[in-house]
Every structure is written in structure tokens, then in C-alpha cells.
Amino acid sequence: MEVKGYKIEPEADLSEADLSEANLRGANLAGTNLYGANLTGANLYGAHLTVANLGVADLSRADLSRADLRWVNLGLADLTAANLNTSNLFGANLVQAFLGGANLDGANLTAGNLYGAYLVEANLAGANLDGANLTGTDLRRANLAGANLDGANLTYAYADKDSQWPEGFDPVAAGVTFV
């Protein structure tokens, strides 16, 4: 597949590429280097960023603001163990996205919709989740130490004793259920 003059395939080097508003629906981006890429408003519905034997896509420092990374019907954005370190996911749609073990250290998820997202063992240390919708998310063993949870909706989110929280944050008062 070719999009905006870039060859879209597993393990491609798309670092710093301008893929804003691109339709990457269903694309196989496993092991792809997307470091610093502009994916603003891109459609990644059903994209695969992690596939066994091909590795994990590097999305560190990528701009994914307003990108569509949701699971709808049979579509699935698979971000398992993806590197999203310091990426910009402002207003991104991550409804029911699989982010288990993903590195979101320092990521900007302000106003993001993570309804029902799978964040088991995800690293969200220092992430900005101001105003994010985390309703029904799975936060078991997730690291949210130092994260900004101001205005975040954690109703019906669930966690366990190994989940880590920002200092002084009361997850139970915020609506988190412990399992």
C-alpha cells in the first residue's frame, strides 16, 4: 500500500513522515519506525502495530492528535507493547484499543477517549490524562505514577493492588473498582 508517497509495510522506516489525515485503515505497521511521524487525524482503524516476529511499531514522539485508533465492529487497533513515549494523543479516539504493556511514559492523552481500553501493565508514568475518558478501562498492573488525572473520568475502570497511582490520588473516590 502506498499513502502520500510513502510505502506502508511492516518494518518500514517512516520516521518524521507526514501522514496527517492519511487512511491507514487495516494497515500492517508491525515493527515500523514512526518516530516523530505526523499522524494527526489519521485513520488507523483496524491497523496492526504489533505482530509476532515482526516487532512493535515505534510511535515515540509521534503526533497522533485526533487520530482514530478505536475498535468498532471487527476493526481493532492493536497497540500491544507499542512505544508511545512522549507521543501526542490529544483528543485521540482509543475506544477499546489494546494497549497492554504499551509505553505511554510522558504521553499527552488530554481529552482522549480511552473508553474500555485495555491498559494492563501499560506504563503511563507522567502521562497527561487531563479530561480523558477512562470509563471501563482495564488498569490492572498499570503504572500511573506521576500522571495528571485532573478531570479524568475513571468511572467503572478497574485496577488491582499492583496498579500504581499518582501521589495523593484516591482511585476509589474517582470511581475505580479493585478486582
Protein backbone atom coordinates (compact mmCIF):
# COMPACT_ATOMS: atom_id res chain seq x y z
CA MET A 1 0.00 0.00 0.00
CA GLU A 2 1.24 3.49 -0.79
CA VAL A 3 -0.07 6.56 1.04
CA LYS A 4 1.06 10.15 0.41
CA GLY A 5 4.14 8.84 -1.41
CA TYR A 6 5.18 6.53 1.45
CA LYS A 7 5.30 2.76 1.11
CA ILE A 8 3.25 1.37 4.00
CA GLU A 9 4.51 -2.05 5.04
CA PRO A 10 5.83 -3.88 8.10
CA GLU A 11 9.23 -2.70 9.39
CA ALA A 12 9.25 0.38 7.13
CA ASP A 13 11.16 3.49 8.17
CA LEU A 14 8.52 6.22 8.33
CA SER A 15 10.25 8.35 10.94
CA GLU A 16 9.23 12.02 10.67
CA ALA A 17 6.81 11.12 7.80
CA ASP A 18 3.81 13.38 7.20
CA LEU A 19 0.85 11.00 7.27
CA SER A 20 -1.64 13.54 8.59
CA GLU A 21 -5.25 12.69 7.73
CA ALA A 22 -4.00 9.51 5.99
CA ASN A 23 -6.26 6.49 5.67
CA LEU A 24 -4.21 3.66 7.18
CA ARG A 25 -7.22 1.51 7.92
CA GLY A 26 -6.16 -2.11 8.32
CA ALA A 27 -2.51 -1.37 7.53
CA ASN A 28 0.15 -3.72 8.85
CA LEU A 29 2.65 -1.41 10.55
CA ALA A 30 4.30 -4.00 12.79
CA GLY A 31 7.91 -3.12 13.52
CA THR A 32 7.56 0.16 11.61
CA ASN A 33 9.58 3.17 12.70
CA LEU A 34 7.08 6.01 13.10
CA TYR A 35 9.28 8.05 15.44
CA GLY A 36 8.18 11.68 15.26
CA ALA A 37 5.72 10.99 12.43
CA ASN A 38 2.78 13.32 11.89
CA LEU A 39 -0.34 11.15 12.12
CA THR A 40 -2.70 13.97 13.08
CA GLY A 41 -6.25 12.93 12.27
CA ALA A 42 -5.09 9.69 10.64
CA ASN A 43 -7.48 6.75 10.38
CA LEU A 44 -5.73 3.77 11.99
CA TYR A 45 -8.93 1.81 12.48
CA GLY A 46 -8.01 -1.88 12.33
CA ALA A 47 -4.28 -1.14 11.95
CA HIS A 48 -1.80 -3.64 13.38
CA LEU A 49 1.19 -2.11 15.10
CA THR A 50 2.33 -5.28 16.83
CA VAL A 51 2.65 -8.68 15.18
CA ALA A 52 4.63 -11.65 16.49
CA ASN A 53 8.05 -11.99 14.83
CA LEU A 54 7.82 -8.53 13.26
CA GLY A 55 8.18 -6.49 16.41
CA VAL A 56 6.50 -3.42 17.78
CA ALA A 57 5.97 -0.12 15.99
CA ASP A 58 7.89 2.83 17.42
CA LEU A 59 5.48 5.74 17.79
CA SER A 60 7.57 7.70 20.27
CA ARG A 61 7.29 11.45 19.78
CA ALA A 62 4.64 10.87 17.06
CA ASP A 63 1.73 13.28 16.73
CA LEU A 64 -1.46 11.20 16.87
CA SER A 65 -3.76 14.03 17.91
CA ARG A 66 -7.35 13.37 16.84
CA ALA A 67 -6.26 10.04 15.29
CA ASP A 68 -8.82 7.24 15.12
CA LEU A 69 -7.42 4.21 16.94
CA ARG A 70 -10.70 2.66 18.03
CA TRP A 71 -12.18 -0.80 17.87
CA VAL A 72 -15.53 -0.70 16.11
CA ASN A 73 -17.34 -3.78 14.83
CA LEU A 74 -14.50 -6.01 13.59
CA GLY A 75 -11.82 -3.31 13.49
CA LEU A 76 -9.05 -3.38 16.04
CA ALA A 77 -6.14 -1.06 16.64
CA ASP A 78 -3.58 -3.35 18.19
CA LEU A 79 -1.04 -1.31 20.13
CA THR A 80 0.13 -4.11 22.43
CA ALA A 81 3.55 -3.18 23.85
CA ALA A 82 3.84 -0.25 21.41
CA ASN A 83 6.27 2.55 22.20
CA LEU A 84 4.26 5.77 22.50
CA ASN A 85 6.77 7.51 24.77
CA THR A 86 6.09 11.29 24.80
CA SER A 87 3.69 10.97 21.85
CA ASN A 88 0.84 13.43 21.37
CA LEU A 89 -2.54 11.68 21.54
CA PHE A 90 -4.56 14.83 22.30
CA GLY A 91 -8.22 14.08 21.61
CA ALA A 92 -7.37 10.70 20.07
CA ASN A 93 -10.08 8.06 19.82
CA LEU A 94 -8.74 4.96 21.58
CA VAL A 95 -12.08 3.33 22.38
CA GLN A 96 -11.40 -0.32 23.26
CA ALA A 97 -7.84 -0.12 21.92
CA PHE A 98 -5.41 -2.78 23.09
CA LEU A 99 -2.54 -1.03 24.85
CA GLY A 100 -1.40 -3.84 27.14
CA GLY A 101 2.22 -3.32 28.11
CA ALA A 102 2.46 -0.17 25.97
CA ASN A 103 4.92 2.56 26.92
CA LEU A 104 2.97 5.81 27.24
CA ASP A 105 5.51 7.45 29.54
CA GLY A 106 5.01 11.21 29.31
CA ALA A 107 2.37 10.90 26.55
CA ASN A 108 -0.23 13.63 26.10
CA LEU A 109 -3.65 11.96 26.28
CA THR A 110 -5.53 15.14 27.16
CA ALA A 111 -9.21 14.82 26.24
CA GLY A 112 -8.55 11.36 24.77
CA ASN A 113 -11.32 8.80 24.64
CA LEU A 114 -9.99 5.55 26.13
CA TYR A 115 -13.40 4.09 26.92
CA GLY A 116 -12.96 0.35 27.56
CA ALA A 117 -9.28 0.39 26.58
CA TYR A 118 -7.04 -2.48 27.67
CA LEU A 119 -4.15 -0.87 29.59
CA VAL A 120 -2.93 -3.89 31.60
CA GLU A 121 0.74 -3.40 32.50
CA ALA A 122 0.87 -0.16 30.49
CA ASN A 123 3.37 2.48 31.56
CA LEU A 124 1.50 5.78 31.91
CA ALA A 125 4.03 7.36 34.28
CA GLY A 126 3.99 11.11 33.83
CA ALA A 127 1.26 10.94 31.16
CA ASN A 128 -1.19 13.83 30.85
CA LEU A 129 -4.71 12.37 31.09
CA ASP A 130 -6.42 15.69 31.86
CA GLY A 131 -10.08 15.35 30.86
CA ALA A 132 -9.56 11.88 29.39
CA ASN A 133 -12.38 9.36 29.34
CA LEU A 134 -11.10 6.22 31.08
CA THR A 135 -14.54 4.76 31.73
CA GLY A 136 -14.37 0.98 31.87
CA THR A 137 -10.62 0.78 31.21
CA ASP A 138 -8.58 -2.14 32.50
CA LEU A 139 -5.75 -0.64 34.57
CA ARG A 140 -4.51 -3.81 36.27
CA ARG A 141 -0.77 -3.56 36.97
CA ALA A 142 -0.65 -0.21 35.12
CA ASN A 143 1.83 2.44 36.22
CA LEU A 144 0.17 5.85 36.56
CA ALA A 145 2.75 7.28 38.97
CA GLY A 146 3.16 10.99 38.30
CA ALA A 147 0.31 11.03 35.76
CA ASN A 148 -2.04 14.02 35.59
CA LEU A 149 -5.56 12.67 36.16
CA ASP A 150 -7.27 16.05 36.62
CA GLY A 151 -10.77 15.84 35.21
CA ALA A 152 -10.27 12.25 34.02
CA ASN A 153 -13.35 10.04 34.14
CA LEU A 154 -12.42 6.73 35.82
CA THR A 155 -15.98 5.51 36.41
CA TYR A 156 -16.15 1.71 36.20
CA ALA A 157 -12.42 1.47 35.44
CA TYR A 158 -10.84 -1.42 37.23
CA ALA A 159 -7.44 -1.98 38.75
CA ASP A 160 -5.68 -4.27 41.18
CA LYS A 161 -3.32 -3.94 44.13
CA ASP A 162 -0.36 -3.72 41.72
CA SER A 163 -1.69 -0.67 39.89
CA GLN A 164 0.38 2.44 40.71
CA TRP A 165 -1.21 5.86 41.20
CA PRO A 166 -0.01 9.47 41.45
CA GLU A 167 0.90 10.52 44.96
CA GLY A 168 -2.18 11.64 46.90
CA PHE A 169 -4.64 10.31 44.28
CA ASP A 170 -7.60 8.31 45.61
CA PRO A 171 -8.67 5.85 42.88
CA VAL A 172 -11.70 4.58 44.83
CA ALA A 173 -13.07 8.12 45.20
CA ALA A 174 -12.52 8.55 41.45
CA GLY A 175 -14.75 5.55 40.70
CA VAL A 176 -12.14 2.81 40.18
CA THR A 177 -13.17 -0.72 41.15
CA PHE A 178 -10.49 -3.04 42.53
CA VAL A 179 -10.53 -6.68 41.43
